[in-house]
Amino acid sequence: MKKYIISSLFLVITTDVFSQNITLQKAKKSALENNNQLKNSSLQVEEAKAFKKEAQTNYYPKVSAMAFGMKAINPLLELNMEGGNLPVYDGNPAHLLTATQFAYMPGINMSLLNQLAGGAVTLLQPIYTGNKIKTANQLADINLEVKKKQEELSNKEILHKTEKEYLQVLSLYEKENTLTGYEDFLDKLYKEVQNAVKSGVAIKNDLLKVTVKRSELKLKRTQLENGIVLSKKQLCQTSGIPYNDDLVFENQLSVFNPPESYYISEEEAVKNRLEYQMLEKSVEASQLQIELKKGDSRPSVNVGLSGFYLDPLTKSMDGSFNGMAFAGVTVPISNWWEDKHKINQLKTKETIAENVLKENTGLLKLQIDKAWRDLQEAYKSISLNEETLLQATENTRVNQQSYKNGLSQMSDLLEARAQVNDTQEKLIDSKIKYQEAVSYYLLVTGR
C-alpha cells in the first residue's frame, strides 16, 4: 500500500513537472537563470570587482615582516691587540710623562659576528606615485563597467535567441495545425470521390490523385514532427528547461502592433547601444593608459616606519630592539627617453580607438536602419498574405463546386487546395518573421 501511494505521488509530481505550459516569458526567465554563457558573463563581472578591490589596496600602507639568521664560515669582524705595560697616572701633572708605576695589559683577540639572528617589521605608505595609483583605479572602474555592459549585452542576445527559437517552435506547431486541416479536407474529398466512383459519376483516376496527395502529406507530417522535436530540444538547450515530449507551448501570435509603435531615431538608438558605450570606454581607457605611463616618468614619495631586532647569539652579548622613521623620494632619470617613445605609441593607440568608434558608429546606424526597413517589410507581408489567403480560399470553394458540377477536373481542385495550404504557411512565416523583426529591432536599438 505504501509503495502504491509513493508511486502515485511520484507520478503526480512528475506529470506536473513535465506537462507544464511553457510561455515565452517563462522560457526567457529560465534562460537568464540557467544559460551557461550568462553564468560565465556573471563570473567575469565578479572577477572585475575583485580586480577593482585589488587596485584600491594600493592606497593603503604596505606592511612587511622579515626574519633571518646566519652563521659565517669565518667571523665577519676580528680584533687583535698586543698586550703591554700601561703607565699609571698618580694625579700629579708633573709625573705624567715620567711615570714610575705601570700596569700590565694583556693582548686581546676578539671574533665578532660569527653568527647572527634578527627580524624586522616595516610599514611603507605611498604619498605620491605620479598619479599611477589613481589612474590604475580609474582603469579598474572602466574594466568593471565594461564587464557589466558585456553581461547586459549577453543577456539581451540570449533573450533574443530564446524568443527566436520559441517562435520557431510555434511556427512548426501552426504549420502542423494547417496540415491537419489539409488532411481533413483530403480525407473528406477521398470519401466523396470514392462514393462517386462507385456510383459511376467520377473516374478512378481522380481517386488515385487524391490518394497520392494524401501520401505526400504523410511524409510532410513526419518532417514537421521531427522538426518540432528538434526545435523544442534546441530551445530547451538555450533556456535550460528540462526537455520532455509533453511540454506545451502557448501560442502568442495573435497581437501585432504596427512598426511605428516601436520606432526610435537612429541617433538616440546608437547611444542606447551597449556596443557603442563600450567603444567609448575603450577610448577612455586608452587615454588613461597614457596617463599611467606618464606616471613612470614622475617622482614618487614614500614614508615609513621600521622596527627591528638583532641578536648576536652569544653569551657575552644580548639582543637589542631598535626602530626608525624614514622618508624617500625616487626620481626616474635614465628611462625618460624610453617612456617618451612608449607614450607616443599609446597616443597612436588612442587615435586608433577613436577611429574605431567613428567607424562602428556608422555601422551601427546602418544596422539600425536595415532592421527598421526589415520590420516594415515584414509587417506589410502579413496583410499581403492575408489577402492572398482569402483569394486562394475562394478559388478552392469555386473549384470544389465546379468539380461537383462536372465543370472542372480533380487536378484543378487539388492545385487550388494546395495553394491554400502554401499561402497559410507563408502567412505563418510572415507572422513569425514580423515578431522576430520586432525582437531584433528592439535589440539593435538598445532596448
Protein backbone atom coordinates (compact mmCIF):
# COMPACT_ATOMS: atom_id res chain seq x y z
CA MET A 1 0.00 0.00 0.00
CA LYS A 2 2.82 2.36 0.90
CA LYS A 3 4.60 1.57 -2.37
CA TYR A 4 1.39 2.34 -4.26
CA ILE A 5 0.98 5.71 -2.52
CA ILE A 6 4.61 6.67 -3.13
CA SER A 7 4.40 5.61 -6.79
CA SER A 8 1.18 7.57 -7.27
CA LEU A 9 2.67 10.65 -5.63
CA PHE A 10 5.76 10.40 -7.83
CA LEU A 11 3.56 10.07 -10.90
CA VAL A 12 1.57 13.19 -9.96
CA ILE A 13 4.73 15.22 -9.30
CA THR A 14 6.39 14.01 -12.49
CA THR A 15 3.29 14.74 -14.58
CA ASP A 16 3.02 18.23 -13.07
CA VAL A 17 6.68 18.99 -13.79
CA PHE A 18 6.91 17.67 -17.31
CA SER A 19 3.44 18.69 -18.53
CA GLN A 20 3.99 22.33 -17.68
CA ASN A 21 2.92 25.04 -20.07
CA ILE A 22 5.84 26.99 -21.48
CA THR A 23 5.27 30.65 -22.26
CA LEU A 24 7.78 32.98 -23.86
CA GLN A 25 8.20 34.78 -20.53
CA LYS A 26 8.95 31.51 -18.72
CA ALA A 27 11.47 30.49 -21.37
CA LYS A 28 13.25 33.84 -21.12
CA LYS A 29 13.31 33.73 -17.31
CA SER A 30 14.73 30.23 -17.38
CA ALA A 31 17.37 31.25 -19.92
CA LEU A 32 18.56 34.11 -17.70
CA GLU A 33 18.84 31.72 -14.75
CA ASN A 34 20.35 28.66 -16.40
CA ASN A 35 22.23 29.61 -19.56
CA ASN A 36 25.93 28.73 -19.16
CA GLN A 37 27.08 31.65 -21.31
CA LEU A 38 25.31 34.08 -18.98
CA LYS A 39 26.80 32.35 -15.95
CA ASN A 40 30.27 32.99 -17.39
CA SER A 41 29.41 36.64 -18.03
CA SER A 42 28.34 36.99 -14.39
CA LEU A 43 31.61 35.38 -13.26
CA GLN A 44 33.58 37.86 -15.36
CA VAL A 45 31.80 40.71 -13.56
CA GLU A 46 32.79 39.17 -10.21
CA GLU A 47 36.36 38.89 -11.46
CA ALA A 48 36.35 42.59 -12.41
CA LYS A 49 35.01 43.51 -8.96
CA ALA A 50 37.86 41.61 -7.34
CA PHE A 51 40.35 43.36 -9.64
CA LYS A 52 38.91 46.74 -8.60
CA LYS A 53 39.29 45.88 -4.90
CA GLU A 54 42.85 44.80 -5.57
CA ALA A 55 43.62 48.17 -7.18
CA GLN A 56 42.14 50.01 -4.19
CA THR A 57 44.58 48.31 -1.81
CA ASN A 58 47.40 50.34 -3.36
CA TYR A 59 46.11 53.39 -1.46
CA TYR A 60 46.85 51.69 1.86
CA PRO A 61 50.20 51.14 3.64
CA LYS A 62 52.25 48.09 2.80
CA VAL A 63 53.36 46.10 5.84
CA SER A 64 56.11 43.52 5.57
CA ALA A 65 57.90 41.33 8.10
CA MET A 66 61.28 39.68 7.79
CA ALA A 67 63.24 37.21 9.92
CA PHE A 68 66.76 35.97 9.24
CA GLY A 69 69.63 34.03 10.72
CA MET A 70 73.22 33.46 9.63
CA LYS A 71 76.40 31.66 10.58
CA ALA A 72 79.61 32.67 8.81
CA ILE A 73 82.47 30.32 7.96
CA ASN A 74 84.85 32.95 9.29
CA PRO A 75 83.95 35.80 11.66
CA LEU A 76 82.89 38.94 9.86
CA LEU A 77 84.84 41.14 12.33
CA GLU A 78 88.10 40.27 14.13
CA LEU A 79 90.08 42.41 16.64
CA ASN A 80 93.74 41.61 17.51
CA MET A 81 95.58 43.84 20.04
CA GLU A 82 99.02 43.14 21.54
CA GLY A 83 99.49 43.37 25.33
CA GLY A 84 101.97 45.66 27.19
CA ASN A 85 102.67 47.93 30.19
CA LEU A 86 100.47 50.95 30.56
CA PRO A 87 101.65 53.90 32.75
CA VAL A 88 99.60 54.59 35.85
CA TYR A 89 98.75 58.25 36.44
CA ASP A 90 99.03 59.29 40.13
CA GLY A 91 97.21 62.61 39.72
CA ASN A 92 100.33 64.84 39.62
CA PRO A 93 100.69 66.54 36.21
CA ALA A 94 104.48 66.67 36.65
CA HIS A 95 104.65 62.89 36.65
CA LEU A 96 102.51 62.47 33.51
CA LEU A 97 105.46 61.94 31.18
CA THR A 98 107.75 60.28 33.73
CA ALA A 99 105.54 57.70 35.30
CA THR A 100 107.17 55.40 37.81
CA GLN A 101 104.29 52.91 38.07
CA PHE A 102 102.95 50.65 35.36
CA ALA A 103 100.01 48.24 34.87
CA TYR A 104 100.21 45.25 32.54
CA MET A 105 97.50 44.97 29.84
CA PRO A 106 97.22 41.50 28.26
CA GLY A 107 96.67 41.12 24.50
CA ILE A 108 93.15 40.94 23.08
CA ASN A 109 91.91 38.66 20.32
CA MET A 110 88.16 39.05 19.51
CA SER A 111 85.96 37.47 16.82
CA LEU A 112 82.60 39.17 16.21
CA LEU A 113 79.55 38.49 14.06
CA ASN A 114 80.27 34.83 13.62
CA GLN A 115 76.55 34.16 13.93
CA LEU A 116 73.54 36.47 13.98
CA ALA A 117 69.73 36.35 14.10
CA GLY A 118 67.19 39.10 13.72
CA GLY A 119 63.86 40.29 12.43
CA ALA A 120 62.18 43.44 11.22
CA VAL A 121 58.69 44.83 10.58
CA THR A 122 58.34 47.67 8.06
CA LEU A 123 55.37 49.87 7.17
CA LEU A 124 55.57 51.80 3.89
CA GLN A 125 52.98 54.41 2.92
CA PRO A 126 52.99 55.89 -0.61
CA ILE A 127 52.40 59.65 -0.58
CA TYR A 128 52.74 60.42 -4.28
CA THR A 129 53.31 57.97 -7.13
CA GLY A 130 52.90 60.19 -10.16
CA ASN A 131 49.10 59.61 -10.17
CA LYS A 132 49.71 55.94 -11.02
CA ILE A 133 47.56 54.57 -8.19
CA LYS A 134 44.66 56.90 -9.01
CA THR A 135 44.89 56.12 -12.73
CA ALA A 136 45.09 52.36 -12.11
CA ASN A 137 41.91 52.57 -10.03
CA GLN A 138 40.16 54.50 -12.80
CA LEU A 139 41.15 51.77 -15.26
CA ALA A 140 39.79 49.15 -12.85
CA ASP A 141 36.49 51.10 -12.72
CA ILE A 142 36.28 51.14 -16.52
CA ASN A 143 37.06 47.44 -16.67
CA LEU A 144 34.18 46.73 -14.27
CA GLU A 145 31.78 48.94 -16.25
CA VAL A 146 32.71 47.18 -19.50
CA LYS A 147 32.23 43.73 -17.95
CA LYS A 148 28.79 44.77 -16.67
CA LYS A 149 27.83 46.04 -20.12
CA GLN A 150 29.10 42.81 -21.68
CA GLU A 151 26.95 40.86 -19.22
CA GLU A 152 23.91 43.00 -20.07
CA LEU A 153 24.59 42.57 -23.79
CA SER A 154 24.87 38.79 -23.35
CA ASN A 155 21.54 38.81 -21.51
CA LYS A 156 19.84 40.68 -24.35
CA GLU A 157 21.34 38.42 -27.00
CA ILE A 158 20.27 35.29 -25.14
CA LEU A 159 16.76 36.68 -24.68
CA HIS A 160 16.58 37.44 -28.41
CA LYS A 161 17.86 33.97 -29.25
CA THR A 162 15.36 32.39 -26.86
CA GLU A 163 12.47 34.32 -28.40
CA LYS A 164 13.58 33.38 -31.91
CA GLU A 165 13.75 29.69 -31.02
CA TYR A 166 10.41 29.87 -29.21
CA LEU A 167 8.79 31.42 -32.27
CA GLN A 168 10.31 28.67 -34.41
CA VAL A 169 8.53 26.06 -32.26
CA LEU A 170 5.25 27.96 -32.58
CA SER A 171 5.72 28.23 -36.33
CA LEU A 172 6.05 24.48 -36.72
CA TYR A 173 3.04 23.83 -34.49
CA GLU A 174 0.98 26.27 -36.56
CA LYS A 175 2.05 24.55 -39.75
CA GLU A 176 1.12 21.22 -38.21
CA ASN A 177 -2.37 22.57 -37.48
CA THR A 178 -2.60 23.83 -41.04
CA LEU A 179 -1.54 20.42 -42.30
CA THR A 180 -4.24 18.78 -40.17
CA GLY A 181 -6.86 20.96 -41.87
CA TYR A 182 -5.44 19.98 -45.26
CA GLU A 183 -5.55 16.28 -44.30
CA ASP A 184 -9.17 16.61 -43.12
CA PHE A 185 -10.10 18.19 -46.46
CA LEU A 186 -8.43 15.35 -48.40
CA ASP A 187 -9.98 12.66 -46.19
CA LYS A 188 -13.43 14.11 -46.81
CA LEU A 189 -12.70 14.52 -50.52
CA TYR A 190 -11.43 10.93 -50.72
CA LYS A 191 -14.72 9.60 -49.35
CA GLU A 192 -16.75 11.77 -51.70
CA VAL A 193 -14.74 10.71 -54.77
CA GLN A 194 -14.79 7.06 -53.66
CA ASN A 195 -18.57 7.14 -53.48
CA ALA A 196 -18.70 8.97 -56.82
CA VAL A 197 -16.52 6.29 -58.46
CA LYS A 198 -18.76 3.55 -57.10
CA SER A 199 -21.74 5.41 -58.48
CA GLY A 200 -20.04 5.84 -61.85
CA VAL A 201 -20.11 9.61 -61.57
CA ALA A 202 -16.29 10.01 -61.26
CA ILE A 203 -13.36 8.16 -62.77
CA LYS A 204 -10.90 6.07 -60.76
CA ASN A 205 -8.00 8.33 -61.80
CA ASP A 206 -9.47 11.14 -59.68
CA LEU A 207 -9.39 8.83 -56.67
CA LEU A 208 -5.73 7.96 -57.36
CA LYS A 209 -4.80 11.66 -57.48
CA VAL A 210 -6.33 12.21 -54.06
CA THR A 211 -4.53 9.12 -52.73
CA VAL A 212 -1.15 10.38 -53.99
CA LYS A 213 -1.72 13.76 -52.37
CA ARG A 214 -2.64 12.10 -49.04
CA SER A 215 0.62 10.10 -49.17
CA GLU A 216 2.59 13.29 -49.77
CA LEU A 217 1.03 14.85 -46.67
CA LYS A 218 2.03 11.83 -44.53
CA LEU A 219 5.67 12.46 -45.42
CA LYS A 220 5.27 16.15 -44.74
CA ARG A 221 3.76 15.40 -41.32
CA THR A 222 6.74 13.21 -40.44
CA GLN A 223 9.09 16.02 -41.40
CA LEU A 224 7.11 18.52 -39.32
CA GLU A 225 7.06 16.23 -36.28
CA ASN A 226 10.84 15.74 -36.48
CA GLY A 227 11.31 19.49 -36.87
CA ILE A 228 9.16 20.18 -33.81
CA VAL A 229 11.16 17.77 -31.65
CA LEU A 230 14.50 19.25 -32.74
CA SER A 231 13.34 22.85 -32.32
CA LYS A 232 11.98 22.09 -28.83
CA LYS A 233 15.28 20.48 -27.85
CA GLN A 234 17.20 23.49 -29.15
CA LEU A 235 15.03 25.84 -27.11
CA CYS A 236 15.48 23.69 -24.01
CA GLN A 237 19.24 23.74 -24.54
CA THR A 238 19.26 27.54 -24.69
CA SER A 239 16.80 28.15 -21.86
CA GLY A 240 17.85 25.36 -19.52
CA ILE A 241 14.32 23.90 -19.39
CA PRO A 242 14.42 20.08 -18.99
CA TYR A 243 13.21 18.56 -22.26
CA ASN A 244 10.13 16.39 -22.33
CA ASP A 245 7.75 15.37 -25.10
CA ASP A 246 4.80 16.63 -23.04
CA LEU A 247 5.93 20.26 -22.89
CA VAL A 248 3.13 22.55 -24.06
CA PHE A 249 3.94 25.86 -25.76
CA GLU A 250 1.38 28.64 -25.64
CA ASN A 251 0.59 30.36 -28.94
CA GLN A 252 1.38 34.08 -28.84
CA LEU A 253 0.95 35.12 -32.47
CA SER A 254 -2.38 36.92 -32.21
CA VAL A 255 -1.37 40.55 -31.40
CA PHE A 256 0.71 42.58 -33.85
CA ASN A 257 1.42 46.23 -33.14
CA PRO A 258 2.40 48.34 -36.18
CA PRO A 259 6.09 49.19 -36.72
CA GLU A 260 5.53 52.84 -35.80
CA SER A 261 4.88 51.84 -32.18
CA TYR A 262 8.49 50.64 -31.92
CA TYR A 263 10.26 53.43 -33.83
CA ILE A 264 13.16 55.35 -32.35
CA SER A 265 15.59 57.75 -34.06
CA GLU A 266 19.00 56.43 -35.12
CA GLU A 267 20.91 58.97 -33.03
CA GLU A 268 19.07 58.03 -29.88
CA ALA A 269 19.26 54.34 -30.69
CA VAL A 270 23.04 54.41 -31.22
CA LYS A 271 23.61 55.97 -27.81
CA ASN A 272 21.46 53.24 -26.27
CA ARG A 273 23.61 50.53 -27.80
CA LEU A 274 25.89 48.79 -25.33
CA GLU A 275 28.42 48.22 -28.11
CA TYR A 276 28.68 52.00 -28.62
CA GLN A 277 29.07 52.61 -24.90
CA MET A 278 31.84 50.01 -24.69
CA LEU A 279 33.65 51.64 -27.60
CA GLU A 280 33.51 54.94 -25.73
CA LYS A 281 35.01 53.24 -22.70
CA SER A 282 37.76 51.87 -24.92
CA VAL A 283 38.75 55.41 -25.92
CA GLU A 284 38.64 56.50 -22.28
CA ALA A 285 40.80 53.54 -21.27
CA SER A 286 43.39 54.38 -23.93
CA GLN A 287 43.62 57.92 -22.52
CA LEU A 288 44.17 56.55 -19.01
CA GLN A 289 46.88 54.22 -20.31
CA ILE A 290 48.79 57.31 -21.45
CA GLU A 291 48.38 58.93 -18.05
CA LEU A 292 49.52 55.72 -16.36
CA LYS A 293 52.67 55.59 -18.45
CA LYS A 294 53.43 59.25 -17.75
CA GLY A 295 53.48 58.33 -14.07
CA ASP A 296 56.61 56.23 -14.69
CA SER A 297 58.50 59.45 -15.50
CA ARG A 298 57.35 61.32 -12.42
CA PRO A 299 58.96 61.25 -8.95
CA SER A 300 57.47 59.15 -6.18
CA VAL A 301 57.40 59.91 -2.46
CA ASN A 302 57.10 57.31 0.32
CA VAL A 303 57.28 57.44 4.10
CA GLY A 304 57.56 54.56 6.51
CA LEU A 305 58.30 53.09 9.90
CA SER A 306 60.52 50.15 10.69
CA GLY A 307 61.24 48.22 13.87
CA PHE A 308 63.94 45.56 14.08
CA TYR A 309 65.65 43.20 16.50
CA LEU A 310 69.23 41.87 16.33
CA ASP A 311 70.69 39.01 18.38
CA PRO A 312 74.39 38.02 18.02
CA LEU A 313 73.59 34.64 19.60
CA THR A 314 76.49 34.85 22.06
CA LYS A 315 76.53 34.60 25.84
CA SER A 316 78.56 37.76 26.15
CA MET A 317 76.16 39.97 24.17
CA ASP A 318 72.37 40.30 24.41
CA GLY A 319 69.97 41.08 21.58
CA SER A 320 68.59 44.57 21.11
CA PHE A 321 65.47 46.28 19.70
CA ASN A 322 65.54 49.43 17.60
CA GLY A 323 63.34 51.40 15.25
CA MET A 324 63.30 54.25 12.82
CA ALA A 325 61.10 56.50 10.72
CA PHE A 326 62.13 57.29 7.18
CA ALA A 327 61.07 59.12 4.02
CA GLY A 328 62.26 58.67 0.46
CA VAL A 329 61.98 60.39 -2.89
CA THR A 330 62.66 58.49 -6.12
CA VAL A 331 63.25 60.40 -9.36
CA PRO A 332 63.48 58.32 -12.55
CA ILE A 333 66.10 59.69 -14.96
CA SER A 334 67.51 57.11 -17.33
CA ASN A 335 64.08 55.81 -18.51
CA TRP A 336 62.82 59.22 -19.64
CA TRP A 337 63.55 58.71 -23.35
CA GLU A 338 62.15 55.19 -23.36
CA ASP A 339 58.94 56.36 -21.66
CA LYS A 340 58.59 59.20 -24.18
CA HIS A 341 58.53 56.74 -27.10
CA LYS A 342 56.11 54.45 -25.25
CA ILE A 343 53.77 57.38 -24.67
CA ASN A 344 53.84 58.17 -28.39
CA GLN A 345 52.80 54.57 -29.09
CA LEU A 346 49.92 54.84 -26.64
CA LYS A 347 48.78 58.10 -28.24
CA THR A 348 48.65 56.31 -31.58
CA LYS A 349 46.52 53.59 -30.00
CA GLU A 350 44.21 56.29 -28.65
CA THR A 351 43.75 57.69 -32.17
CA ILE A 352 43.04 54.17 -33.45
CA ALA A 353 40.39 53.68 -30.74
CA GLU A 354 38.74 56.97 -31.71
CA ASN A 355 38.70 55.92 -35.38
CA VAL A 356 37.20 52.55 -34.46
CA LEU A 357 34.47 54.37 -32.52
CA LYS A 358 33.64 56.58 -35.52
CA GLU A 359 33.64 53.65 -37.97
CA ASN A 360 31.48 51.40 -35.80
CA THR A 361 29.05 54.23 -35.05
CA GLY A 362 28.33 54.43 -38.76
CA LEU A 363 27.97 50.65 -39.00
CA LEU A 364 25.57 50.59 -36.03
CA LYS A 365 23.41 53.23 -37.72
CA LEU A 366 23.30 51.15 -40.90
CA GLN A 367 22.32 48.09 -38.86
CA ILE A 368 19.52 50.04 -37.16
CA ASP A 369 18.26 51.42 -40.49
CA LYS A 370 18.20 47.94 -42.07
CA ALA A 371 16.39 46.49 -39.05
CA TRP A 372 13.74 49.21 -39.35
CA ARG A 373 13.21 48.56 -43.06
CA ASP A 374 13.03 44.79 -42.48
CA LEU A 375 10.43 45.43 -39.77
CA GLN A 376 8.25 47.46 -42.14
CA GLU A 377 8.63 44.88 -44.91
CA ALA A 378 7.68 42.00 -42.58
CA TYR A 379 4.57 43.88 -41.42
CA LYS A 380 3.40 44.51 -44.99
CA SER A 381 3.89 40.85 -45.90
CA ILE A 382 1.30 39.84 -43.27
CA SER A 383 -1.50 41.84 -44.89
CA LEU A 384 -0.46 40.73 -48.38
CA ASN A 385 -0.53 37.04 -47.39
CA GLU A 386 -3.88 37.51 -45.66
CA GLU A 387 -5.34 38.93 -48.90
CA THR A 388 -3.80 36.08 -50.89
CA LEU A 389 -5.26 33.52 -48.47
CA LEU A 390 -8.77 34.95 -48.91
CA GLN A 391 -8.42 34.72 -52.69
CA ALA A 392 -6.97 31.19 -52.54
CA THR A 393 -9.77 30.04 -50.21
CA GLU A 394 -12.41 31.46 -52.51
CA ASN A 395 -10.70 29.86 -55.51
CA THR A 396 -10.81 26.48 -53.75
CA ARG A 397 -14.50 26.89 -52.98
CA VAL A 398 -15.26 27.73 -56.63
CA ASN A 399 -13.19 24.80 -57.94
CA GLN A 400 -14.80 22.41 -55.47
CA GLN A 401 -18.27 23.48 -56.63
CA SER A 402 -17.22 23.27 -60.28
CA TYR A 403 -15.84 19.76 -59.79
CA LYS A 404 -19.09 18.63 -58.21
CA ASN A 405 -20.94 20.06 -61.21
CA GLY A 406 -18.52 18.38 -63.63
CA LEU A 407 -17.14 21.70 -64.88
CA SER A 408 -13.52 21.24 -63.72
CA GLN A 409 -11.00 18.46 -63.18
CA MET A 410 -9.72 16.94 -59.95
CA SER A 411 -6.21 18.28 -60.62
CA ASP A 412 -7.60 21.84 -60.62
CA LEU A 413 -9.27 21.30 -57.26
CA LEU A 414 -6.16 19.73 -55.70
CA GLU A 415 -3.98 22.50 -57.04
CA ALA A 416 -6.33 25.15 -55.62
CA ARG A 417 -6.36 23.48 -52.19
CA ALA A 418 -2.58 23.10 -52.24
CA GLN A 419 -2.32 26.82 -52.91
CA VAL A 420 -4.43 27.47 -49.80
CA ASN A 421 -2.05 25.39 -47.71
CA ASP A 422 1.01 27.09 -49.18
CA THR A 423 -0.48 30.52 -48.52
CA GLN A 424 -1.36 29.55 -44.95
CA GLU A 425 2.24 28.52 -44.34
CA LYS A 426 3.50 31.77 -45.88
CA LEU A 427 1.16 33.71 -43.60
CA ILE A 428 2.53 31.83 -40.59
CA ASP A 429 6.09 32.54 -41.75
CA SER A 430 5.32 36.23 -42.23
CA LYS A 431 3.83 36.50 -38.72
CA ILE A 432 6.83 34.72 -37.21
CA LYS A 433 9.20 36.87 -39.25
CA TYR A 434 7.49 40.03 -38.05
CA GLN A 435 7.78 39.06 -34.40
CA GLU A 436 11.43 38.15 -34.95
CA ALA A 437 11.92 41.51 -36.68
CA VAL A 438 10.36 43.31 -33.71
CA SER A 439 12.63 41.46 -31.30
CA TYR A 440 15.70 42.21 -33.41
CA TYR A 441 14.80 45.87 -33.88
CA LEU A 442 14.46 46.28 -30.12
CA LEU A 443 17.81 44.57 -29.69
CA VAL A 444 19.70 46.78 -32.17
CA THR A 445 18.13 49.95 -30.74
CA GLY A 446 19.36 49.10 -27.24
CA ARG A 447 16.01 48.16 -25.73
